[in-house]
All heavy atoms as atom14 arrays in JSON, in Angstrom:
{
  "sequence": "LYKTQLPATLGLEGAGVVLAVGEEVSDLRPGDRVAYAGGPLGAYATE",
  "atom14_mask": [
    [1, 1, 1, 1, 1, 1, 1, 1, 0, 0, 0, 0, 0, 0],
    [1, 1, 1, 1, 1, 1, 1, 1, 1, 1, 1, 1, 0, 0],
    [1, 1, 1, 1, 1, 1, 1, 1, 1, 0, 0, 0, 0, 0],
    [1, 1, 1, 1, 1, 1, 1, 0, 0, 0, 0, 0, 0, 0],
    [1, 1, 1, 1, 1, 1, 1, 1, 1, 0, 0, 0, 0, 0],
    [1, 1, 1, 1, 1, 1, 1, 1, 0, 0, 0, 0, 0, 0],
    [1, 1, 1, 1, 1, 1, 1, 0, 0, 0, 0, 0, 0, 0],
    [1, 1, 1, 1, 1, 0, 0, 0, 0, 0, 0, 0, 0, 0],
    [1, 1, 1, 1, 1, 1, 1, 0, 0, 0, 0, 0, 0, 0],
    [1, 1, 1, 1, 1, 1, 1, 1, 0, 0, 0, 0, 0, 0],
    [1, 1, 1, 1, 0, 0, 0, 0, 0, 0, 0, 0, 0, 0],
    [1, 1, 1, 1, 1, 1, 1, 1, 0, 0, 0, 0, 0, 0],
    [1, 1, 1, 1, 1, 1, 1, 1, 1, 0, 0, 0, 0, 0],
    [1, 1, 1, 1, 0, 0, 0, 0, 0, 0, 0, 0, 0, 0],
    [1, 1, 1, 1, 1, 0, 0, 0, 0, 0, 0, 0, 0, 0],
    [1, 1, 1, 1, 0, 0, 0, 0, 0, 0, 0, 0, 0, 0],
    [1, 1, 1, 1, 1, 1, 1, 0, 0, 0, 0, 0, 0, 0],
    [1, 1, 1, 1, 1, 1, 1, 0, 0, 0, 0, 0, 0, 0],
    [1, 1, 1, 1, 1, 1, 1, 1, 0, 0, 0, 0, 0, 0],
    [1, 1, 1, 1, 1, 0, 0, 0, 0, 0, 0, 0, 0, 0],
    [1, 1, 1, 1, 1, 1, 1, 0, 0, 0, 0, 0, 0, 0],
    [1, 1, 1, 1, 0, 0, 0, 0, 0, 0, 0, 0, 0, 0],
    [1, 1, 1, 1, 1, 1, 1, 1, 1, 0, 0, 0, 0, 0],
    [1, 1, 1, 1, 1, 1, 1, 1, 1, 0, 0, 0, 0, 0],
    [1, 1, 1, 1, 1, 1, 1, 0, 0, 0, 0, 0, 0, 0],
    [1, 1, 1, 1, 1, 1, 0, 0, 0, 0, 0, 0, 0, 0],
    [1, 1, 1, 1, 1, 1, 1, 1, 0, 0, 0, 0, 0, 0],
    [1, 1, 1, 1, 1, 1, 1, 1, 0, 0, 0, 0, 0, 0],
    [1, 1, 1, 1, 1, 1, 1, 1, 1, 1, 1, 0, 0, 0],
    [1, 1, 1, 1, 1, 1, 1, 0, 0, 0, 0, 0, 0, 0],
    [1, 1, 1, 1, 0, 0, 0, 0, 0, 0, 0, 0, 0, 0],
    [1, 1, 1, 1, 1, 1, 1, 1, 0, 0, 0, 0, 0, 0],
    [1, 1, 1, 1, 1, 1, 1, 1, 1, 1, 1, 0, 0, 0],
    [1, 1, 1, 1, 1, 1, 1, 0, 0, 0, 0, 0, 0, 0],
    [1, 1, 1, 1, 1, 0, 0, 0, 0, 0, 0, 0, 0, 0],
    [1, 1, 1, 1, 1, 1, 1, 1, 1, 1, 1, 1, 0, 0],
    [1, 1, 1, 1, 1, 0, 0, 0, 0, 0, 0, 0, 0, 0],
    [1, 1, 1, 1, 0, 0, 0, 0, 0, 0, 0, 0, 0, 0],
    [1, 1, 1, 1, 0, 0, 0, 0, 0, 0, 0, 0, 0, 0],
    [1, 1, 1, 1, 1, 1, 1, 0, 0, 0, 0, 0, 0, 0],
    [1, 1, 1, 1, 1, 1, 1, 1, 0, 0, 0, 0, 0, 0],
    [1, 1, 1, 1, 0, 0, 0, 0, 0, 0, 0, 0, 0, 0],
    [1, 1, 1, 1, 1, 0, 0, 0, 0, 0, 0, 0, 0, 0],
    [1, 1, 1, 1, 1, 1, 1, 1, 1, 1, 1, 1, 0, 0],
    [1, 1, 1, 1, 1, 0, 0, 0, 0, 0, 0, 0, 0, 0],
    [1, 1, 1, 1, 1, 1, 1, 0, 0, 0, 0, 0, 0, 0],
    [1, 1, 1, 1, 1, 1, 1, 1, 1, 0, 0, 0, 0, 0]
  ],
  "atom14_positions": [
    [[16.13, 29.79, 59.22], [16.59, 28.59, 58.52], [15.57, 28.18, 57.46], [15.93, 27.79, 56.35], [16.82, 27.45, 59.52], [17.25, 26.11, 58.94], [18.6, 26.2, 58.24], [17.31, 25.03, 60.03], [0.0, 0.0, 0.0], [0.0, 0.0, 0.0], [0.0, 0.0, 0.0], [0.0, 0.0, 0.0], [0.0, 0.0, 0.0], [0.0, 0.0, 0.0]],
    [[14.29, 28.25, 57.83], [13.21, 28.08, 56.86], [12.63, 29.46, 56.57], [12.34, 30.23, 57.49], [12.11, 27.17, 57.42], [12.49, 25.71, 57.56], [11.59, 24.8, 58.09], [13.74, 25.23, 57.18], [11.91, 23.45, 58.24], [14.08, 23.89, 57.32], [13.16, 23.01, 57.85], [13.48, 21.69, 57.99], [0.0, 0.0, 0.0], [0.0, 0.0, 0.0]],
    [[12.48, 29.78, 55.31], [12.09, 31.13, 54.91], [10.58, 31.31, 54.93], [9.82, 30.41, 54.6], [12.61, 31.43, 53.5], [14.11, 31.18, 53.31], [14.95, 32.02, 54.28], [16.45, 31.76, 54.08], [17.27, 32.47, 55.09], [0.0, 0.0, 0.0], [0.0, 0.0, 0.0], [0.0, 0.0, 0.0], [0.0, 0.0, 0.0], [0.0, 0.0, 0.0]],
    [[10.15, 32.51, 55.32], [8.75, 32.89, 55.23], [8.67, 34.4, 55.1], [9.62, 35.12, 55.47], [7.96, 32.43, 56.47], [6.56, 32.63, 56.24], [8.37, 33.19, 57.72], [0.0, 0.0, 0.0], [0.0, 0.0, 0.0], [0.0, 0.0, 0.0], [0.0, 0.0, 0.0], [0.0, 0.0, 0.0], [0.0, 0.0, 0.0], [0.0, 0.0, 0.0]],
    [[7.58, 34.87, 54.57], [7.38, 36.31, 54.42], [7.12, 36.95, 55.77], [6.36, 36.43, 56.58], [6.21, 36.58, 53.47], [6.01, 38.05, 53.13], [4.93, 38.25, 52.08], [4.46, 37.31, 51.46], [4.52, 39.49, 51.88], [0.0, 0.0, 0.0], [0.0, 0.0, 0.0], [0.0, 0.0, 0.0], [0.0, 0.0, 0.0], [0.0, 0.0, 0.0]],
    [[7.75, 38.1, 56.01], [7.6, 38.82, 57.27], [6.73, 40.06, 57.07], [6.72, 40.65, 56.0], [8.97, 39.22, 57.81], [9.94, 38.06, 58.11], [11.3, 38.6, 58.54], [9.36, 37.14, 59.17], [0.0, 0.0, 0.0], [0.0, 0.0, 0.0], [0.0, 0.0, 0.0], [0.0, 0.0, 0.0], [0.0, 0.0, 0.0], [0.0, 0.0, 0.0]],
    [[6.01, 40.52, 58.11], [5.89, 39.88, 59.43], [5.11, 38.58, 59.35], [4.3, 38.39, 58.43], [5.16, 40.93, 60.26], [4.35, 41.69, 59.25], [5.19, 41.74, 58.02], [0.0, 0.0, 0.0], [0.0, 0.0, 0.0], [0.0, 0.0, 0.0], [0.0, 0.0, 0.0], [0.0, 0.0, 0.0], [0.0, 0.0, 0.0], [0.0, 0.0, 0.0]],
    [[5.36, 37.69, 60.3], [4.72, 36.38, 60.27], [4.27, 35.99, 61.67], [4.91, 36.32, 62.67], [5.68, 35.33, 59.74], [0.0, 0.0, 0.0], [0.0, 0.0, 0.0], [0.0, 0.0, 0.0], [0.0, 0.0, 0.0], [0.0, 0.0, 0.0], [0.0, 0.0, 0.0], [0.0, 0.0, 0.0], [0.0, 0.0, 0.0], [0.0, 0.0, 0.0]],
    [[3.15, 35.29, 61.72], [2.69, 34.64, 62.95], [3.2, 33.2, 62.91], [2.93, 32.47, 61.96], [1.16, 34.65, 63.05], [0.7, 36.0, 63.03], [0.69, 33.98, 64.32], [0.0, 0.0, 0.0], [0.0, 0.0, 0.0], [0.0, 0.0, 0.0], [0.0, 0.0, 0.0], [0.0, 0.0, 0.0], [0.0, 0.0, 0.0], [0.0, 0.0, 0.0]],
    [[3.94, 32.8, 63.93], [4.56, 31.48, 63.95], [3.52, 30.4, 64.25], [2.37, 30.67, 64.6], [5.67, 31.43, 64.98], [6.89, 32.32, 64.72], [7.88, 32.22, 65.87], [7.56, 31.95, 63.41], [0.0, 0.0, 0.0], [0.0, 0.0, 0.0], [0.0, 0.0, 0.0], [0.0, 0.0, 0.0], [0.0, 0.0, 0.0], [0.0, 0.0, 0.0]],
    [[3.95, 29.15, 64.16], [3.14, 28.02, 64.61], [2.45, 27.27, 63.5], [1.89, 27.85, 62.58], [0.0, 0.0, 0.0], [0.0, 0.0, 0.0], [0.0, 0.0, 0.0], [0.0, 0.0, 0.0], [0.0, 0.0, 0.0], [0.0, 0.0, 0.0], [0.0, 0.0, 0.0], [0.0, 0.0, 0.0], [0.0, 0.0, 0.0], [0.0, 0.0, 0.0]],
    [[2.5, 25.93, 63.61], [1.97, 25.05, 62.57], [0.96, 24.04, 63.11], [0.55, 23.15, 62.37], [3.12, 24.28, 61.9], [4.07, 25.11, 61.05], [5.32, 24.3, 60.72], [3.39, 25.57, 59.77], [0.0, 0.0, 0.0], [0.0, 0.0, 0.0], [0.0, 0.0, 0.0], [0.0, 0.0, 0.0], [0.0, 0.0, 0.0], [0.0, 0.0, 0.0]],
    [[0.55, 24.18, 64.37], [-0.28, 23.14, 64.98], [-1.17, 23.72, 66.04], [-0.72, 24.53, 66.87], [0.64, 22.09, 65.59], [-0.03, 20.98, 66.36], [0.99, 20.02, 66.94], [2.05, 20.48, 67.44], [0.73, 18.81, 66.9], [0.0, 0.0, 0.0], [0.0, 0.0, 0.0], [0.0, 0.0, 0.0], [0.0, 0.0, 0.0], [0.0, 0.0, 0.0]],
    [[-2.44, 23.34, 66.02], [-3.34, 23.84, 67.05], [-4.61, 23.02, 67.14], [-4.89, 22.15, 66.3], [0.0, 0.0, 0.0], [0.0, 0.0, 0.0], [0.0, 0.0, 0.0], [0.0, 0.0, 0.0], [0.0, 0.0, 0.0], [0.0, 0.0, 0.0], [0.0, 0.0, 0.0], [0.0, 0.0, 0.0], [0.0, 0.0, 0.0], [0.0, 0.0, 0.0]],
    [[-5.38, 23.31, 68.17], [-6.66, 22.64, 68.37], [-7.61, 23.64, 69.01], [-7.21, 24.51, 69.78], [-6.51, 21.41, 69.26], [0.0, 0.0, 0.0], [0.0, 0.0, 0.0], [0.0, 0.0, 0.0], [0.0, 0.0, 0.0], [0.0, 0.0, 0.0], [0.0, 0.0, 0.0], [0.0, 0.0, 0.0], [0.0, 0.0, 0.0], [0.0, 0.0, 0.0]],
    [[-8.89, 23.51, 68.66], [-9.87, 24.43, 69.22], [-11.25, 24.17, 68.69], [-11.61, 23.02, 68.37], [0.0, 0.0, 0.0], [0.0, 0.0, 0.0], [0.0, 0.0, 0.0], [0.0, 0.0, 0.0], [0.0, 0.0, 0.0], [0.0, 0.0, 0.0], [0.0, 0.0, 0.0], [0.0, 0.0, 0.0], [0.0, 0.0, 0.0], [0.0, 0.0, 0.0]],
    [[-12.02, 25.24, 68.58], [-13.44, 25.15, 68.23], [-13.72, 26.01, 67.01], [-13.23, 27.14, 66.91], [-14.31, 25.61, 69.42], [-15.78, 25.57, 69.04], [-14.05, 24.74, 70.64], [0.0, 0.0, 0.0], [0.0, 0.0, 0.0], [0.0, 0.0, 0.0], [0.0, 0.0, 0.0], [0.0, 0.0, 0.0], [0.0, 0.0, 0.0], [0.0, 0.0, 0.0]],
    [[-14.5, 25.49, 66.08], [-14.9, 26.25, 64.91], [-15.88, 27.35, 65.33], [-16.88, 27.09, 66.01], [-15.57, 25.33, 63.86], [-16.1, 26.16, 62.68], [-14.57, 24.28, 63.36], [0.0, 0.0, 0.0], [0.0, 0.0, 0.0], [0.0, 0.0, 0.0], [0.0, 0.0, 0.0], [0.0, 0.0, 0.0], [0.0, 0.0, 0.0], [0.0, 0.0, 0.0]],
    [[-15.57, 28.58, 64.92], [-16.45, 29.71, 65.2], [-17.35, 30.05, 64.02], [-18.5, 30.46, 64.2], [-15.62, 30.95, 65.57], [-14.78, 30.87, 66.85], [-14.03, 32.18, 67.06], [-15.65, 30.56, 68.05], [0.0, 0.0, 0.0], [0.0, 0.0, 0.0], [0.0, 0.0, 0.0], [0.0, 0.0, 0.0], [0.0, 0.0, 0.0], [0.0, 0.0, 0.0]],
    [[-16.81, 29.92, 62.81], [-17.57, 30.25, 61.6], [-16.93, 29.55, 60.41], [-15.74, 29.22, 60.44], [-17.6, 31.76, 61.37], [0.0, 0.0, 0.0], [0.0, 0.0, 0.0], [0.0, 0.0, 0.0], [0.0, 0.0, 0.0], [0.0, 0.0, 0.0], [0.0, 0.0, 0.0], [0.0, 0.0, 0.0], [0.0, 0.0, 0.0], [0.0, 0.0, 0.0]],
    [[-17.73, 29.31, 59.39], [-17.21, 28.7, 58.16], [-17.63, 29.55, 56.97], [-18.65, 30.25, 57.01], [-17.7, 27.25, 57.97], [-17.2, 26.36, 59.1], [-19.21, 27.19, 57.88], [0.0, 0.0, 0.0], [0.0, 0.0, 0.0], [0.0, 0.0, 0.0], [0.0, 0.0, 0.0], [0.0, 0.0, 0.0], [0.0, 0.0, 0.0], [0.0, 0.0, 0.0]],
    [[-16.81, 29.49, 55.92], [-17.13, 30.21, 54.7], [-17.98, 29.37, 53.77], [-18.36, 28.23, 54.08], [0.0, 0.0, 0.0], [0.0, 0.0, 0.0], [0.0, 0.0, 0.0], [0.0, 0.0, 0.0], [0.0, 0.0, 0.0], [0.0, 0.0, 0.0], [0.0, 0.0, 0.0], [0.0, 0.0, 0.0], [0.0, 0.0, 0.0], [0.0, 0.0, 0.0]],
    [[-18.26, 29.93, 52.62], [-19.01, 29.21, 51.6], [-18.21, 27.98, 51.14], [-17.0, 27.93, 51.26], [-19.28, 30.12, 50.4], [-20.15, 31.34, 50.74], [-20.32, 32.24, 49.54], [-19.78, 31.92, 48.46], [-20.99, 33.29, 49.68], [0.0, 0.0, 0.0], [0.0, 0.0, 0.0], [0.0, 0.0, 0.0], [0.0, 0.0, 0.0], [0.0, 0.0, 0.0]],
    [[-18.92, 26.99, 50.66], [-18.33, 25.76, 50.11], [-17.84, 24.81, 51.21], [-17.19, 23.79, 50.89], [-17.2, 26.07, 49.14], [-17.61, 26.96, 47.97], [-16.42, 27.37, 47.11], [-15.35, 26.76, 47.24], [-16.58, 28.32, 46.32], [0.0, 0.0, 0.0], [0.0, 0.0, 0.0], [0.0, 0.0, 0.0], [0.0, 0.0, 0.0], [0.0, 0.0, 0.0]],
    [[-18.1, 25.12, 52.47], [-17.72, 24.21, 53.56], [-18.97, 23.47, 54.01], [-19.91, 24.07, 54.53], [-17.1, 24.97, 54.74], [-16.78, 24.0, 55.89], [-15.86, 25.72, 54.31], [0.0, 0.0, 0.0], [0.0, 0.0, 0.0], [0.0, 0.0, 0.0], [0.0, 0.0, 0.0], [0.0, 0.0, 0.0], [0.0, 0.0, 0.0], [0.0, 0.0, 0.0]],
    [[-18.97, 22.15, 53.81], [-20.17, 21.37, 54.13], [-19.96, 20.37, 55.25], [-20.94, 19.89, 55.83], [-20.64, 20.61, 52.87], [-19.62, 19.74, 52.4], [0.0, 0.0, 0.0], [0.0, 0.0, 0.0], [0.0, 0.0, 0.0], [0.0, 0.0, 0.0], [0.0, 0.0, 0.0], [0.0, 0.0, 0.0], [0.0, 0.0, 0.0], [0.0, 0.0, 0.0]],
    [[-18.7, 20.06, 55.58], [-18.46, 19.02, 56.57], [-18.04, 19.56, 57.93], [-17.67, 18.81, 58.83], [-17.41, 18.03, 56.06], [-16.09, 18.7, 55.7], [-16.08, 19.94, 55.57], [-15.09, 17.98, 55.54], [0.0, 0.0, 0.0], [0.0, 0.0, 0.0], [0.0, 0.0, 0.0], [0.0, 0.0, 0.0], [0.0, 0.0, 0.0], [0.0, 0.0, 0.0]],
    [[-18.06, 20.89, 58.11], [-17.78, 21.51, 59.4], [-18.86, 22.52, 59.71], [-19.45, 23.13, 58.8], [-16.42, 22.23, 59.38], [-15.15, 21.39, 59.32], [-13.94, 22.3, 59.17], [-15.0, 20.51, 60.55], [0.0, 0.0, 0.0], [0.0, 0.0, 0.0], [0.0, 0.0, 0.0], [0.0, 0.0, 0.0], [0.0, 0.0, 0.0], [0.0, 0.0, 0.0]],
    [[-19.09, 22.73, 61.01], [-20.04, 23.76, 61.42], [-19.59, 24.36, 62.74], [-18.8, 23.74, 63.47], [-21.45, 23.17, 61.55], [-21.59, 22.08, 62.57], [-23.0, 21.48, 62.53], [-23.15, 20.42, 63.52], [-24.27, 19.72, 63.67], [-25.32, 19.97, 62.9], [-24.35, 18.77, 64.59], [0.0, 0.0, 0.0], [0.0, 0.0, 0.0], [0.0, 0.0, 0.0]],
    [[-20.06, 25.57, 63.07], [-19.68, 26.18, 64.34], [-19.94, 25.24, 65.52], [-20.96, 24.58, 65.59], [-20.55, 27.43, 64.4], [-20.78, 27.79, 62.95], [-20.91, 26.46, 62.25], [0.0, 0.0, 0.0], [0.0, 0.0, 0.0], [0.0, 0.0, 0.0], [0.0, 0.0, 0.0], [0.0, 0.0, 0.0], [0.0, 0.0, 0.0], [0.0, 0.0, 0.0]],
    [[-18.96, 25.2, 66.42], [-19.05, 24.33, 67.59], [-18.27, 23.05, 67.46], [-18.0, 22.38, 68.47], [0.0, 0.0, 0.0], [0.0, 0.0, 0.0], [0.0, 0.0, 0.0], [0.0, 0.0, 0.0], [0.0, 0.0, 0.0], [0.0, 0.0, 0.0], [0.0, 0.0, 0.0], [0.0, 0.0, 0.0], [0.0, 0.0, 0.0], [0.0, 0.0, 0.0]],
    [[-17.89, 22.66, 66.24], [-17.1, 21.45, 66.06], [-15.72, 21.6, 66.7], [-15.08, 22.66, 66.59], [-16.91, 21.13, 64.57], [-18.14, 20.53, 63.93], [-19.03, 20.08, 64.66], [-18.2, 20.49, 62.67], [0.0, 0.0, 0.0], [0.0, 0.0, 0.0], [0.0, 0.0, 0.0], [0.0, 0.0, 0.0], [0.0, 0.0, 0.0], [0.0, 0.0, 0.0]],
    [[-15.27, 20.54, 67.37], [-13.92, 20.5, 67.93], [-12.98, 19.96, 66.87], [-13.22, 18.89, 66.3], [-13.86, 19.62, 69.18], [-14.75, 20.11, 70.31], [-14.7, 19.17, 71.5], [-13.35, 18.98, 71.99], [-12.63, 17.88, 71.86], [-13.14, 16.81, 71.24], [-11.41, 17.8, 72.33], [0.0, 0.0, 0.0], [0.0, 0.0, 0.0], [0.0, 0.0, 0.0]],
    [[-11.9, 20.7, 66.58], [-11.03, 20.34, 65.48], [-9.56, 20.52, 65.87], [-9.24, 21.18, 66.87], [-11.32, 21.2, 64.23], [-12.71, 20.9, 63.67], [-11.18, 22.69, 64.55], [0.0, 0.0, 0.0], [0.0, 0.0, 0.0], [0.0, 0.0, 0.0], [0.0, 0.0, 0.0], [0.0, 0.0, 0.0], [0.0, 0.0, 0.0], [0.0, 0.0, 0.0]],
    [[-8.71, 19.95, 65.04], [-7.27, 20.13, 65.2], [-6.63, 20.11, 63.82], [-7.23, 19.66, 62.84], [-6.67, 19.04, 66.09], [0.0, 0.0, 0.0], [0.0, 0.0, 0.0], [0.0, 0.0, 0.0], [0.0, 0.0, 0.0], [0.0, 0.0, 0.0], [0.0, 0.0, 0.0], [0.0, 0.0, 0.0], [0.0, 0.0, 0.0], [0.0, 0.0, 0.0]],
    [[-5.39, 20.58, 63.77], [-4.67, 20.61, 62.49], [-3.17, 20.61, 62.77], [-2.72, 20.89, 63.89], [-5.05, 21.85, 61.66], [-4.6, 23.14, 62.29], [-3.36, 23.69, 62.0], [-5.42, 23.81, 63.21], [-2.94, 24.86, 62.61], [-5.01, 24.98, 63.81], [-3.76, 25.51, 63.51], [-3.35, 26.66, 64.11], [0.0, 0.0, 0.0], [0.0, 0.0, 0.0]],
    [[-2.41, 20.33, 61.75], [-0.95, 20.42, 61.83], [-0.38, 20.58, 60.44], [-0.99, 20.16, 59.45], [-0.37, 19.16, 62.48], [0.0, 0.0, 0.0], [0.0, 0.0, 0.0], [0.0, 0.0, 0.0], [0.0, 0.0, 0.0], [0.0, 0.0, 0.0], [0.0, 0.0, 0.0], [0.0, 0.0, 0.0], [0.0, 0.0, 0.0], [0.0, 0.0, 0.0]],
    [[0.77, 21.2, 60.37], [1.48, 21.26, 59.11], [1.36, 22.57, 58.35], [1.97, 22.73, 57.3], [0.0, 0.0, 0.0], [0.0, 0.0, 0.0], [0.0, 0.0, 0.0], [0.0, 0.0, 0.0], [0.0, 0.0, 0.0], [0.0, 0.0, 0.0], [0.0, 0.0, 0.0], [0.0, 0.0, 0.0], [0.0, 0.0, 0.0], [0.0, 0.0, 0.0]],
    [[0.58, 23.49, 58.85], [0.56, 24.8, 58.23], [-0.65, 25.06, 57.38], [-1.54, 24.22, 57.27], [0.0, 0.0, 0.0], [0.0, 0.0, 0.0], [0.0, 0.0, 0.0], [0.0, 0.0, 0.0], [0.0, 0.0, 0.0], [0.0, 0.0, 0.0], [0.0, 0.0, 0.0], [0.0, 0.0, 0.0], [0.0, 0.0, 0.0], [0.0, 0.0, 0.0]],
    [[-0.7, 26.27, 56.82], [0.37, 27.28, 56.83], [0.6, 27.88, 58.21], [-0.14, 27.59, 59.15], [-0.16, 28.35, 55.85], [-1.65, 28.22, 55.97], [-1.91, 26.75, 56.15], [0.0, 0.0, 0.0], [0.0, 0.0, 0.0], [0.0, 0.0, 0.0], [0.0, 0.0, 0.0], [0.0, 0.0, 0.0], [0.0, 0.0, 0.0], [0.0, 0.0, 0.0]],
    [[1.67, 28.7, 58.31], [1.97, 29.36, 59.57], [0.76, 30.15, 60.07], [-0.06, 30.62, 59.29], [3.16, 30.31, 59.4], [4.54, 29.69, 59.2], [5.56, 30.8, 58.95], [4.96, 28.85, 60.37], [0.0, 0.0, 0.0], [0.0, 0.0, 0.0], [0.0, 0.0, 0.0], [0.0, 0.0, 0.0], [0.0, 0.0, 0.0], [0.0, 0.0, 0.0]],
    [[0.7, 30.33, 61.4], [-0.36, 31.14, 61.96], [-0.99, 30.61, 63.23], [-1.97, 31.17, 63.73], [0.0, 0.0, 0.0], [0.0, 0.0, 0.0], [0.0, 0.0, 0.0], [0.0, 0.0, 0.0], [0.0, 0.0, 0.0], [0.0, 0.0, 0.0], [0.0, 0.0, 0.0], [0.0, 0.0, 0.0], [0.0, 0.0, 0.0], [0.0, 0.0, 0.0]],
    [[-0.42, 29.56, 63.82], [-1.05, 28.94, 64.99], [-0.86, 29.73, 66.28], [-1.67, 29.61, 67.2], [-0.51, 27.51, 65.19], [0.0, 0.0, 0.0], [0.0, 0.0, 0.0], [0.0, 0.0, 0.0], [0.0, 0.0, 0.0], [0.0, 0.0, 0.0], [0.0, 0.0, 0.0], [0.0, 0.0, 0.0], [0.0, 0.0, 0.0], [0.0, 0.0, 0.0]],
    [[0.19, 30.55, 66.38], [0.44, 31.3, 67.61], [-0.52, 32.49, 67.69], [-0.1, 33.66, 67.72], [1.87, 31.81, 67.64], [2.96, 30.81, 67.94], [2.77, 29.44, 67.78], [4.22, 31.22, 68.37], [3.79, 28.54, 68.04], [5.25, 30.34, 68.63], [5.03, 28.99, 68.46], [6.06, 28.1, 68.72], [0.0, 0.0, 0.0], [0.0, 0.0, 0.0]],
    [[-1.8, 32.23, 67.75], [-2.82, 33.26, 67.79], [-4.03, 32.75, 68.54], [-4.27, 31.53, 68.61], [-3.21, 33.67, 66.37], [0.0, 0.0, 0.0], [0.0, 0.0, 0.0], [0.0, 0.0, 0.0], [0.0, 0.0, 0.0], [0.0, 0.0, 0.0], [0.0, 0.0, 0.0], [0.0, 0.0, 0.0], [0.0, 0.0, 0.0], [0.0, 0.0, 0.0]],
    [[-4.8, 33.67, 69.12], [-6.0, 33.24, 69.82], [-7.07, 32.75, 68.83], [-7.83, 31.83, 69.14], [-6.56, 34.38, 70.68], [-6.74, 35.54, 69.86], [-5.6, 34.7, 71.82], [0.0, 0.0, 0.0], [0.0, 0.0, 0.0], [0.0, 0.0, 0.0], [0.0, 0.0, 0.0], [0.0, 0.0, 0.0], [0.0, 0.0, 0.0], [0.0, 0.0, 0.0]],
    [[-7.13, 33.35, 67.65], [-8.05, 32.92, 66.6], [-7.34, 32.98, 65.26], [-6.45, 33.8, 65.06], [-9.31, 33.81, 66.56], [-10.14, 33.74, 67.83], [-11.31, 34.71, 67.81], [-11.54, 35.38, 66.78], [-12.01, 34.79, 68.84], [0.0, 0.0, 0.0], [0.0, 0.0, 0.0], [0.0, 0.0, 0.0], [0.0, 0.0, 0.0], [0.0, 0.0, 0.0]]
  ]
}
């Protein structure tokens, strides 16, 4: 009903722990507890 490119990992919402951050990220660090919602798709995964 809603289109997405296949193959796709489903899911738009999750919570967990930051393992690593890329360049230009200053307000998060490994170990922070975080959550998100709204996408992009990809929440149905262990990482």
